[in-house]
C-alpha atoms as a PDB file:
ATOM      1  CA  MET A   1      22.635   5.189  23.044  1.00  0.00           C
ATOM      2  CA  THR A   2      21.089   5.562  26.238  1.00  0.00           C
ATOM      3  CA  SER A   3      17.273   6.086  25.822  1.00  0.00           C
ATOM      4  CA  PRO A   4      14.979   7.385  28.296  1.00  0.00           C
ATOM      5  CA  ILE A   5      12.799   4.370  28.249  1.00  0.00           C
ATOM      6  CA  ALA A   6      15.570   2.378  29.315  1.00  0.00           C
ATOM      7  CA  PRO A   7      14.029   1.478  32.511  1.00  0.00           C
ATOM      8  CA  ASP A   8      10.940  -0.334  31.017  1.00  0.00           C
ATOM      9  CA  LEU A   9      13.555  -2.372  28.562  1.00  0.00           C
ATOM     10  CA  MET A  10      15.423  -3.321  31.182  1.00  0.00           C
ATOM     11  CA  ALA A  11      12.494  -4.418  32.587  1.00  0.00           C
ATOM     12  CA  GLY A  12      10.938  -6.291  29.485  1.00  0.00           C
ATOM     13  CA  ARG A  13       7.963  -4.311  29.588  1.00  0.00           C
ATOM     14  CA  MET A  14       6.940  -2.024  26.941  1.00  0.00           C
ATOM     15  CA  PRO A  15       6.170   1.622  28.428  1.00  0.00           C
ATOM     16  CA  ALA A  16       2.839   3.227  28.370  1.00  0.00           C
ATOM     17  CA  LYS A  17       3.814   6.698  27.990  1.00  0.00           C
ATOM     18  CA  PRO A  18       5.320   7.204  24.912  1.00  0.00           C
ATOM     19  CA  ARG A  19       1.868   4.699  23.398  1.00  0.00           C
ATOM     20  CA  ALA A  20      -0.573   7.048  24.748  1.00  0.00           C
ATOM     21  CA  GLY A  21      -2.032   9.509  23.116  1.00  0.00           C
ATOM     22  CA  ILE A  22       0.279   9.102  20.073  1.00  0.00           C
ATOM     23  CA  TRP A  23      -2.366  10.578  17.860  1.00  0.00           C
ATOM     24  CA  ARG A  24      -3.318  13.305  20.011  1.00  0.00           C
ATOM     25  CA  ARG A  25       0.432  14.752  20.036  1.00  0.00           C
ATOM     26  CA  LEU A  26       0.736  14.368  15.981  1.00  0.00           C
ATOM     27  CA  VAL A  27      -2.536  15.940  15.442  1.00  0.00           C
ATOM     28  CA  LYS A  28      -0.905  19.164  17.419  1.00  0.00           C
ATOM     29  CA  ARG A  29       1.844  19.408  15.162  1.00  0.00           C
ATOM     30  CA  ARG A  30       1.541  21.841  12.306  1.00  0.00           C
ATOM     31  CA  LEU A  31       3.634  20.404   9.648  1.00  0.00           C
ATOM     32  CA  ALA A  32       2.379  16.608  10.686  1.00  0.00           C
ATOM     33  CA  LEU A  33      -1.059  17.939  10.430  1.00  0.00           C
ATOM     34  CA  LEU A  34      -0.667  19.435   7.132  1.00  0.00           C
ATOM     35  CA  GLY A  35       1.250  15.841   5.877  1.00  0.00           C
ATOM     36  CA  LEU A  36      -2.201  14.158   7.503  1.00  0.00           C
ATOM     37  CA  VAL A  37      -4.152  16.941   5.312  1.00  0.00           C
ATOM     38  CA  ILE A  38      -2.433  16.253   2.102  1.00  0.00           C
ATOM     39  CA  VAL A  39      -2.924  12.549   2.186  1.00  0.00           C
ATOM     40  CA  ALA A  40      -6.444  12.168   3.633  1.00  0.00           C
ATOM     41  CA  VAL A  41      -6.801  14.421  -0.114  1.00  0.00           C
ATOM     42  CA  VAL A  42      -4.823  12.507  -1.921  1.00  0.00           C
ATOM     43  CA  VAL A  43      -6.471   9.207  -0.781  1.00  0.00           C
ATOM     44  CA  ALA A  44     -10.115  10.394  -0.756  1.00  0.00           C
ATOM     45  CA  GLY A  45      -9.360  11.959  -4.530  1.00  0.00           C
ATOM     46  CA  ALA A  46      -8.413   8.084  -5.399  1.00  0.00           C
ATOM     47  CA  ILE A  47     -11.349   6.793  -3.655  1.00  0.00           C
ATOM     48  CA  LEU A  48     -13.822   9.062  -5.059  1.00  0.00           C
ATOM     49  CA  ALA A  49     -12.366   9.265  -8.479  1.00  0.00           C
ATOM     50  CA  PRO A  50     -15.190   8.146 -10.405  1.00  0.00           C
ATOM     51  CA  TRP A  51     -17.511  10.636  -8.508  1.00  0.00           C
ATOM     52  CA  LEU A  52     -15.576  13.610  -8.624  1.00  0.00           C
ATOM     53  CA  THR A  53     -15.033  13.520 -12.397  1.00  0.00           C
ATOM     54  CA  GLY A  54     -17.188  12.814 -15.203  1.00  0.00           C
ATOM     55  CA  TYR A  55     -14.772  11.450 -17.536  1.00  0.00           C
ATOM     56  CA  ASP A  56     -13.023   8.303 -18.063  1.00  0.00           C
ATOM     57  CA  PRO A  57      -9.654   8.621 -17.411  1.00  0.00           C
ATOM     58  CA  ASN A  58      -8.421   6.773 -20.667  1.00  0.00           C
ATOM     59  CA  GLU A  59     -11.375   8.498 -22.710  1.00  0.00           C
ATOM     60  CA  GLN A  60      -9.868  10.503 -25.800  1.00  0.00           C
ATOM     61  CA  MET A  61     -12.738  13.648 -26.162  1.00  0.00           C
ATOM     62  CA  PHE A  62     -13.588  15.033 -29.319  1.00  0.00           C
ATOM     63  CA  ASP A  63     -13.518  18.749 -27.864  1.00  0.00           C
ATOM     64  CA  GLY A  64     -10.426  17.562 -25.846  1.00  0.00           C
ATOM     65  CA  LEU A  65      -7.529  19.701 -28.175  1.00  0.00           C
ATOM     66  CA  THR A  66      -7.568  22.341 -30.086  1.00  0.00           C
ATOM     67  CA  ILE A  67      -8.160  23.028 -33.781  1.00  0.00           C
ATOM     68  CA  GLU A  68      -4.398  22.429 -34.622  1.00  0.00           C
ATOM     69  CA  GLY A  69      -4.455  19.348 -32.284  1.00  0.00           C
ATOM     70  CA  SER A  70      -3.088  20.810 -28.862  1.00  0.00           C
ATOM     71  CA  PRO A  71      -3.612  20.271 -25.600  1.00  0.00           C
ATOM     72  CA  LEU A  72      -6.209  21.948 -24.218  1.00  0.00           C
ATOM     73  CA  PRO A  73      -5.072  25.000 -20.946  1.00  0.00           C
ATOM     74  CA  PRO A  74      -7.163  25.080 -17.748  1.00  0.00           C
ATOM     75  CA  ASN A  75     -10.607  26.072 -18.531  1.00  0.00           C
ATOM     76  CA  ALA A  76     -14.368  25.721 -17.155  1.00  0.00           C
ATOM     77  CA  LYS A  77     -14.384  22.447 -18.283  1.00  0.00           C
ATOM     78  CA  PHE A  78     -11.754  20.794 -17.956  1.00  0.00           C
ATOM     79  CA  TRP A  79     -10.071  22.369 -14.849  1.00  0.00           C
ATOM     80  CA  LEU A  80      -6.489  21.182 -14.995  1.00  0.00           C
ATOM     81  CA  GLY A  81      -6.655  21.242 -18.906  1.00  0.00           C
ATOM     82  CA  THR A  82      -6.483  18.030 -21.197  1.00  0.00           C
ATOM     83  CA  ASP A  83      -3.165  15.953 -22.456  1.00  0.00           C
ATOM     84  CA  LEU A  84      -1.682  15.527 -25.619  1.00  0.00           C
ATOM     85  CA  LEU A  85      -4.835  12.737 -26.874  1.00  0.00           C
ATOM     86  CA  GLY A  86      -7.176  15.474 -25.572  1.00  0.00           C
ATOM     87  CA  ARG A  87      -7.774  13.268 -22.246  1.00  0.00           C
ATOM     88  CA  ASP A  88      -9.176  14.680 -19.185  1.00  0.00           C
ATOM     89  CA  LEU A  89      -5.873  15.838 -17.130  1.00  0.00           C
ATOM     90  CA  LEU A  90      -7.402  16.094 -13.600  1.00  0.00           C
ATOM     91  CA  THR A  91      -9.278  12.737 -14.520  1.00  0.00           C
ATOM     92  CA  ARG A  92      -5.690  11.211 -15.146  1.00  0.00           C
ATOM     93  CA  ILE A  93      -4.106  12.557 -12.006  1.00  0.00           C
ATOM     94  CA  LEU A  94      -6.980  11.075  -9.667  1.00  0.00           C
ATOM     95  CA  TYR A  95      -6.705   8.006 -11.179  1.00  0.00           C
ATOM     96  CA  GLY A  96      -2.935   8.011 -11.336  1.00  0.00           C
ATOM     97  CA  ALA A  97      -3.391   8.842  -7.170  1.00  0.00           C
ATOM     98  CA  ARG A  98      -4.627   4.966  -6.902  1.00  0.00           C
ATOM     99  CA  THR A  99      -1.890   3.758  -8.679  1.00  0.00           C
ATOM    100  CA  SER A 100       0.980   5.782  -6.402  1.00  0.00           C
ATOM    101  CA  LEU A 101      -1.320   4.806  -3.072  1.00  0.00           C
ATOM    102  CA  ILE A 102      -1.581   1.096  -4.103  1.00  0.00           C
ATOM    103  CA  ILE A 103       2.379   0.693  -5.269  1.00  0.00           C
ATOM    104  CA  GLY A 104       3.565   2.887  -2.227  1.00  0.00           C
ATOM    105  CA  ILE A 105       1.456   0.620   0.521  1.00  0.00           C
ATOM    106  CA  VAL A 106       1.962  -2.713  -1.292  1.00  0.00           C
ATOM    107  CA  ALA A 107       5.808  -2.099  -2.146  1.00  0.00           C
ATOM    108  CA  ASN A 108       6.688  -0.456   1.187  1.00  0.00           C
ATOM    109  CA  GLY A 109       4.962  -3.311   3.295  1.00  0.00           C
ATOM    110  CA  VAL A 110       6.569  -6.097   1.422  1.00  0.00           C
ATOM    111  CA  ALA A 111      10.131  -4.459   1.945  1.00  0.00           C
ATOM    112  CA  LEU A 112       9.492  -3.775   5.723  1.00  0.00           C
ATOM    113  CA  PHE A 113       8.502  -7.242   6.004  1.00  0.00           C
ATOM    114  CA  ILE A 114      11.324  -8.172   4.444  1.00  0.00           C
ATOM    115  CA  GLY A 115      13.704  -5.882   6.182  1.00  0.00           C
ATOM    116  CA  THR A 116      12.418  -6.691   9.693  1.00  0.00           C
ATOM    117  CA  LEU A 117      12.548 -10.767   8.630  1.00  0.00           C
ATOM    118  CA  VAL A 118      16.284 -10.306   7.823  1.00  0.00           C
ATOM    119  CA  GLY A 119      16.791  -7.726  10.372  1.00  0.00           C
ATOM    120  CA  VAL A 120      15.415  -9.465  13.310  1.00  0.00           C
ATOM    121  CA  THR A 121      16.978 -13.005  12.213  1.00  0.00           C
ATOM    122  CA  ALA A 122      20.493 -11.504  11.893  1.00  0.00           C
ATOM    123  CA  GLY A 123      20.430  -9.448  14.991  1.00  0.00           C
ATOM    124  CA  TYR A 124      18.736 -12.213  17.265  1.00  0.00           C
ATOM    125  CA  PHE A 125      20.537 -15.185  16.125  1.00  0.00           C
ATOM    126  CA  ARG A 126      23.966 -13.606  15.212  1.00  0.00           C
ATOM    127  CA  GLY A 127      26.824 -15.679  14.318  1.00  0.00           C
ATOM    128  CA  TRP A 128      27.139 -17.292  10.832  1.00  0.00           C
ATOM    129  CA  ILE A 129      23.266 -16.649  10.312  1.00  0.00           C
ATOM    130  CA  GLY A 130      23.490 -12.690  11.328  1.00  0.00           C
ATOM    131  CA  SER A 131      27.053 -12.575   9.206  1.00  0.00           C
ATOM    132  CA  ALA A 132      26.039 -14.675   6.311  1.00  0.00           C
ATOM    133  CA  LEU A 133      22.474 -12.422   5.893  1.00  0.00           C
ATOM    134  CA  MET A 134      23.997  -9.015   7.106  1.00  0.00           C
ATOM    135  CA  ARG A 135      26.698  -9.528   4.345  1.00  0.00           C
ATOM    136  CA  PHE A 136      24.186 -10.310   1.761  1.00  0.00           C
ATOM    137  CA  THR A 137      22.332  -7.180   2.921  1.00  0.00           C
ATOM    138  CA  ASP A 138      25.695  -4.807   2.482  1.00  0.00           C
ATOM    139  CA  LEU A 139      26.058  -6.167  -1.172  1.00  0.00           C
ATOM    140  CA  MET A 140      22.177  -5.457  -1.462  1.00  0.00           C
ATOM    141  CA  MET A 141      22.972  -2.048  -0.272  1.00  0.00           C
ATOM    142  CA  ALA A 142      26.306  -1.373  -2.652  1.00  0.00           C
ATOM    143  CA  PHE A 143      24.100  -1.455  -5.549  1.00  0.00           C
ATOM    144  CA  PRO A 144      22.372   2.105  -6.884  1.00  0.00           C
ATOM    145  CA  ALA A 145      19.115   1.524  -5.931  1.00  0.00           C
ATOM    146  CA  LEU A 146      17.195   3.318  -8.840  1.00  0.00           C
ATOM    147  CA  LEU A 147      19.834   1.212 -11.065  1.00  0.00           C
ATOM    148  CA  LEU A 148      18.817  -1.792  -9.445  1.00  0.00           C
ATOM    149  CA  ALA A 149      15.220  -1.090  -9.884  1.00  0.00           C
ATOM    150  CA  ILE A 150      15.647  -0.576 -13.786  1.00  0.00           C
ATOM    151  CA  CYS A 151      17.452  -3.437 -14.404  1.00  0.00           C
ATOM    152  CA  LEU A 152      14.965  -5.628 -12.284  1.00  0.00           C
ATOM    153  CA  ALA A 153      12.184  -3.867 -14.325  1.00  0.00           C
ATOM    154  CA  ALA A 154      13.818  -4.052 -17.472  1.00  0.00           C
ATOM    155  CA  VAL A 155      13.998  -8.004 -16.924  1.00  0.00           C
ATOM    156  CA  PHE A 156      10.389  -8.697 -16.159  1.00  0.00           C
ATOM    157  CA  GLN A 157       7.094  -7.359 -17.690  1.00  0.00           C
ATOM    158  CA  PRO A 158       6.191  -3.984 -16.435  1.00  0.00           C
ATOM    159  CA  SER A 159       2.747  -4.341 -14.671  1.00  0.00           C
ATOM    160  CA  LEU A 160       1.550  -2.757 -11.420  1.00  0.00           C
ATOM    161  CA  TRP A 161       2.029  -5.600  -9.485  1.00  0.00           C
ATOM    162  CA  ILE A 162       5.616  -6.159 -10.846  1.00  0.00           C
ATOM    163  CA  VAL A 163       6.816  -2.750 -10.202  1.00  0.00           C
ATOM    164  CA  ALA A 164       5.291  -2.811  -6.687  1.00  0.00           C
ATOM    165  CA  MET A 165       7.594  -6.214  -6.061  1.00  0.00           C
ATOM    166  CA  VAL A 166      10.504  -4.410  -7.689  1.00  0.00           C
ATOM    167  CA  ILE A 167      10.674  -1.574  -5.880  1.00  0.00           C
ATOM    168  CA  ALA A 168      10.035  -3.906  -2.523  1.00  0.00           C
ATOM    169  CA  LEU A 169      13.421  -5.951  -3.452  1.00  0.00           C
ATOM    170  CA  VAL A 170      15.383  -2.857  -3.413  1.00  0.00           C
ATOM    171  CA  ASN A 171      14.230  -1.041  -0.501  1.00  0.00           C
ATOM    172  CA  TRP A 172      14.246  -3.327   2.173  1.00  0.00           C
ATOM    173  CA  VAL A 173      17.983  -2.371   3.256  1.00  0.00           C
ATOM    174  CA  GLN A 174      17.769  -0.010   5.027  1.00  0.00           C
ATOM    175  CA  THR A 175      14.834  -1.408   6.482  1.00  0.00           C
ATOM    176  CA  ALA A 176      17.438  -4.564   7.949  1.00  0.00           C
ATOM    177  CA  ARG A 177      20.246  -2.291   8.812  1.00  0.00           C
ATOM    178  CA  VAL A 178      18.276  -0.647  11.087  1.00  0.00           C
ATOM    179  CA  ILE A 179      16.154  -3.092  12.795  1.00  0.00           C
ATOM    180  CA  TYR A 180      19.396  -5.337  12.778  1.00  0.00           C
ATOM    181  CA  THR A 181      21.230  -2.596  14.708  1.00  0.00           C
ATOM    182  CA  GLU A 182      17.963  -2.539  17.241  1.00  0.00           C
ATOM    183  CA  THR A 183      17.557  -5.954  17.673  1.00  0.00           C
ATOM    184  CA  SER A 184      21.474  -6.430  18.643  1.00  0.00           C
ATOM    185  CA  SER A 185      20.936  -4.174  21.076  1.00  0.00           C
ATOM    186  CA  LEU A 186      17.528  -5.890  22.669  1.00  0.00           C
ATOM    187  CA  ALA A 187      19.218  -9.267  22.378  1.00  0.00           C
ATOM    188  CA  GLU A 188      21.586  -8.297  25.248  1.00  0.00           C
ATOM    189  CA  ARG A 189      19.511  -7.105  27.628  1.00  0.00           C
ATOM    190  CA  GLU A 190      18.910  -8.569  30.776  1.00  0.00           C
ATOM    191  CA  PHE A 191      15.130  -9.687  30.771  1.00  0.00           C
ATOM    192  CA  ILE A 192      16.152 -11.459  27.043  1.00  0.00           C
ATOM    193  CA  ASP A 193      19.048 -13.297  28.927  1.00  0.00           C
ATOM    194  CA  ALA A 194      16.233 -14.236  31.834  1.00  0.00           C
ATOM    195  CA  GLU A 195      13.719 -15.244  29.339  1.00  0.00           C
ATOM    196  CA  ARG A 196      16.665 -18.134  27.802  1.00  0.00           C
ATOM    197  CA  THR A 197      17.408 -18.743  31.331  1.00  0.00           C
ATOM    198  CA  ILE A 198      13.792 -20.150  32.066  1.00  0.00           C
ATOM    199  CA  GLY A 199      14.045 -21.970  28.736  1.00  0.00           C
ATOM    200  CA  ALA A 200      12.021 -20.057  26.522  1.00  0.00           C
ATOM    201  CA  SER A 201      11.759 -20.618  22.964  1.00  0.00           C
ATOM    202  CA  ALA A 202      13.090 -18.456  20.290  1.00  0.00           C
ATOM    203  CA  PRO A 203       9.533 -17.414  18.974  1.00  0.00           C
ATOM    204  CA  ARG A 204       8.122 -16.883  22.077  1.00  0.00           C
ATOM    205  CA  ILE A 205      11.408 -14.570  22.867  1.00  0.00           C
ATOM    206  CA  LEU A 206      11.033 -12.982  19.021  1.00  0.00           C
ATOM    207  CA  PHE A 207       7.019 -12.059  19.518  1.00  0.00           C
ATOM    208  CA  ARG A 208       6.506 -11.450  23.410  1.00  0.00           C
ATOM    209  CA  HIS A 209       9.884  -9.772  23.769  1.00  0.00           C
ATOM    210  CA  VAL A 210      11.545  -8.639  21.155  1.00  0.00           C
ATOM    211  CA  LEU A 211       9.267  -7.364  18.105  1.00  0.00           C
ATOM    212  CA  PRO A 212       6.921  -5.315  20.614  1.00  0.00           C
ATOM    213  CA  HIS A 213       9.906  -3.079  21.397  1.00  0.00           C
ATOM    214  CA  LEU A 214      11.039  -2.540  17.476  1.00  0.00           C
ATOM    215  CA  LEU A 215       7.208  -1.480  16.790  1.00  0.00           C
ATOM    216  CA  PRO A 216       7.792   1.791  16.937  1.00  0.00           C
ATOM    217  CA  THR A 217      11.198   1.802  14.777  1.00  0.00           C
ATOM    218  CA  ILE A 218       8.738  -0.152  12.264  1.00  0.00           C
ATOM    219  CA  ILE A 219       5.833   2.418  12.369  1.00  0.00           C
ATOM    220  CA  VAL A 220       8.446   5.090  11.651  1.00  0.00           C
ATOM    221  CA  TRP A 221      10.214   3.413   8.535  1.00  0.00           C
ATOM    222  CA  GLY A 222       6.970   2.223   7.116  1.00  0.00           C
ATOM    223  CA  THR A 223       5.869   5.895   7.148  1.00  0.00           C
ATOM    224  CA  LEU A 224       8.731   7.615   6.065  1.00  0.00           C
ATOM    225  CA  GLY A 225       9.294   4.408   3.141  1.00  0.00           C
ATOM    226  CA  ILE A 226       6.234   5.732   1.320  1.00  0.00           C
ATOM    227  CA  SER A 227       7.704   8.638   0.024  1.00  0.00           C
ATOM    228  CA  THR A 228      10.778   6.761  -1.218  1.00  0.00           C
ATOM    229  CA  THR A 229       8.405   4.151  -3.139  1.00  0.00           C
ATOM    230  CA  VAL A 230       6.241   7.068  -3.980  1.00  0.00           C
ATOM    231  CA  LEU A 231       8.838   8.609  -6.060  1.00  0.00           C
ATOM    232  CA  LEU A 232      10.794   5.536  -7.197  1.00  0.00           C
ATOM    233  CA  GLU A 233       7.987   4.656  -9.069  1.00  0.00           C
ATOM    234  CA  ALA A 234       7.204   8.408 -10.726  1.00  0.00           C
ATOM    235  CA  THR A 235      10.800   7.311 -11.886  1.00  0.00           C
ATOM    236  CA  LEU A 236      10.281   4.514 -13.104  1.00  0.00           C
ATOM    237  CA  SER A 237       7.304   5.009 -14.870  1.00  0.00           C
ATOM    238  CA  PHE A 238       9.076   8.111 -15.979  1.00  0.00           C
ATOM    239  CA  LEU A 239      11.691   6.201 -17.674  1.00  0.00           C
ATOM    240  CA  GLY A 240       9.040   4.141 -19.321  1.00  0.00           C
ATOM    241  CA  ILE A 241       9.839   0.753 -17.354  1.00  0.00           C
ATOM    242  CA  GLY A 242       7.482   1.439 -14.681  1.00  0.00           C
ATOM    243  CA  VAL A 243       3.561   1.266 -15.212  1.00  0.00           C
ATOM    244  CA  GLN A 244       3.045   0.883 -18.649  1.00  0.00           C
ATOM    245  CA  PRO A 245       0.047   2.996 -20.471  1.00  0.00           C
ATOM    246  CA  PRO A 246      -2.689   3.332 -20.701  1.00  0.00           C
ATOM    247  CA  THR A 247      -2.925   2.706 -16.903  1.00  0.00           C
ATOM    248  CA  ALA A 248      -2.488   6.390 -15.217  1.00  0.00           C
ATOM    249  CA  SER A 249       0.103   6.911 -13.320  1.00  0.00           C
ATOM    250  CA  TRP A 250       1.943  10.105 -12.077  1.00  0.00           C
ATOM    251  CA  GLY A 251       5.180   9.379 -13.812  1.00  0.00           C
ATOM    252  CA  ASN A 252       3.752   8.252 -16.884  1.00  0.00           C
ATOM    253  CA  ILE A 253       1.583  11.117 -17.190  1.00  0.00           C
ATOM    254  CA  ILE A 254       4.714  13.292 -16.869  1.00  0.00           C
ATOM    255  CA  PHE A 255       6.624  10.789 -19.553  1.00  0.00           C
ATOM    256  CA  GLU A 256       3.843  11.162 -22.420  1.00  0.00           C
ATOM    257  CA  ASN A 257       3.504  14.639 -22.183  1.00  0.00           C
ATOM    258  CA  GLN A 258       7.031  15.746 -21.997  1.00  0.00           C
ATOM    259  CA  THR A 259       7.220  16.599 -25.234  1.00  0.00           C
ATOM    260  CA  TYR A 260       4.939  19.236 -24.830  1.00  0.00           C
ATOM    261  CA  PHE A 261       6.958  20.867 -21.586  1.00  0.00           C
ATOM    262  CA  GLN A 262       7.142  24.356 -22.916  1.00  0.00           C
ATOM    263  CA  ALA A 263       3.954  24.759 -25.172  1.00  0.00           C
ATOM    264  CA  ALA A 264       2.132  23.014 -22.122  1.00  0.00           C
ATOM    265  CA  PRO A 265       3.739  23.397 -18.857  1.00  0.00           C
ATOM    266  CA  TRP A 266       0.775  22.390 -17.016  1.00  0.00           C
ATOM    267  CA  LEU A 267       1.036  18.695 -18.257  1.00  0.00           C
ATOM    268  CA  VAL A 268       4.146  18.320 -16.461  1.00  0.00           C
ATOM    269  CA  PHE A 269       3.330  20.883 -13.657  1.00  0.00           C
ATOM    270  CA  PHE A 270       0.022  19.350 -11.693  1.00  0.00           C
ATOM    271  CA  PRO A 271       1.025  16.056 -11.507  1.00  0.00           C
ATOM    272  CA  GLY A 272       4.964  16.577 -10.470  1.00  0.00           C
ATOM    273  CA  ALA A 273       3.240  18.726  -8.011  1.00  0.00           C
ATOM    274  CA  ALA A 274       1.390  15.803  -6.790  1.00  0.00           C
ATOM    275  CA  ILE A 275       4.067  13.638  -6.375  1.00  0.00           C
ATOM    276  CA  LEU A 276       5.978  16.069  -4.467  1.00  0.00           C
ATOM    277  CA  ALA A 277       2.949  16.775  -2.095  1.00  0.00           C
ATOM    278  CA  LEU A 278       2.336  13.217  -1.151  1.00  0.00           C
ATOM    279  CA  ALA A 279       6.065  12.486  -1.117  1.00  0.00           C
ATOM    280  CA  LEU A 280       6.364  15.896   1.379  1.00  0.00           C
ATOM    281  CA  ALA A 281       3.508  14.503   3.251  1.00  0.00           C
ATOM    282  CA  PHE A 282       4.453  11.350   4.332  1.00  0.00           C
ATOM    283  CA  ASN A 283       7.996  12.510   5.205  1.00  0.00           C
ATOM    284  CA  LEU A 284       6.205  15.323   7.345  1.00  0.00           C
ATOM    285  CA  ILE A 285       4.045  12.190   9.026  1.00  0.00           C
ATOM    286  CA  GLY A 286       7.003   9.866   9.483  1.00  0.00           C
ATOM    287  CA  ASP A 287       8.898  12.968  10.941  1.00  0.00           C
ATOM    288  CA  ALA A 288       6.789  13.242  13.344  1.00  0.00           C
ATOM    289  CA  LEU A 289       6.119  10.058  14.626  1.00  0.00           C
ATOM    290  CA  ARG A 290       9.980   9.182  14.965  1.00  0.00           C
ATOM    291  CA  ASP A 291       9.972  12.298  17.251  1.00  0.00           C
ATOM    292  CA  ILE A 292       6.852  11.239  19.562  1.00  0.00           C
ATOM    293  CA  LEU A 293       7.518   7.519  19.518  1.00  0.00           C
ATOM    294  CA  ASP A 294      11.583   7.696  19.901  1.00  0.00           C
ATOM    295  CA  PRO A 295      13.077  11.408  21.008  1.00  0.00           C
ATOM    296  CA  THR A 296      16.727  10.427  21.024  1.00  0.00           C
ATOM    297  CA  GLN A 297      16.332  10.434  17.484  1.00  0.00           C
ATOM    298  CA  ARG A 298      14.899  13.618  17.062  1.00  0.00           C
ATOM    299  CA  GLY A 299      16.109  15.577  14.020  1.00  0.00           C
ATOM    300  CA  ARG A 300      17.984  12.588  12.474  1.00  0.00           C
ATOM    301  CA  ALA A 301      17.135  11.138   9.100  1.00  0.00           C
END
């Protein structure tokens, strides 16, 4: 596929224009700006949770239930109502945002690192090394990600960091495939051949010439991957094999209160809306970054 930045790639230098004013062009896109606002609100809520609410996320309040023992609906004291144990739902959601963001960033960062390492190694060295790595990647892609994550989560004792590592181990394959394709194309460029001819070492070529050209792709996939990670964490927590109570997580909030879905729908609606909003926000930002950094990929998933 021919790219408008091909002349710069042929010369072995990164084009200056696509790198300039990325932030300015990003905020000019309404959907991307909406995504940035949502992410900023979630991050601010997670950081400022102790100051935004006067309750502990695990505090079971005496006046947090009705006389019959049912959760309270949204009211002046509990803005989003209470859960089945009388805990403030808004507080649980704010602290749950910390869990989702930590897992989203850590798990996606590890997955991005593994995928980039495998993709660059296989795409540059090729031969039996590349074949072995990509066959292993294809084998991992053959397993449904959710099923593989459930199996791994069932083997290890669920905790915040274990869940992050489990998600990373199932999410790196897509990145590896994309990075492998781009690295294979770059490895055949004339400037790479020229570097080899003058005796440049493989590490120098990879770090000075290959990885800088892959940076836009890594940024885009890193942004898009966070939404997938957030959704997968919520799914695992909802199934009871993710982050374990009493640690607040948007997924386990729904899991704990699912039996009250008809009697107290706010217990499922508000954390579900938070999951949807955060995943949508990162998708909007990732789509905009993809269009800005590589216009040839416009409109592609």
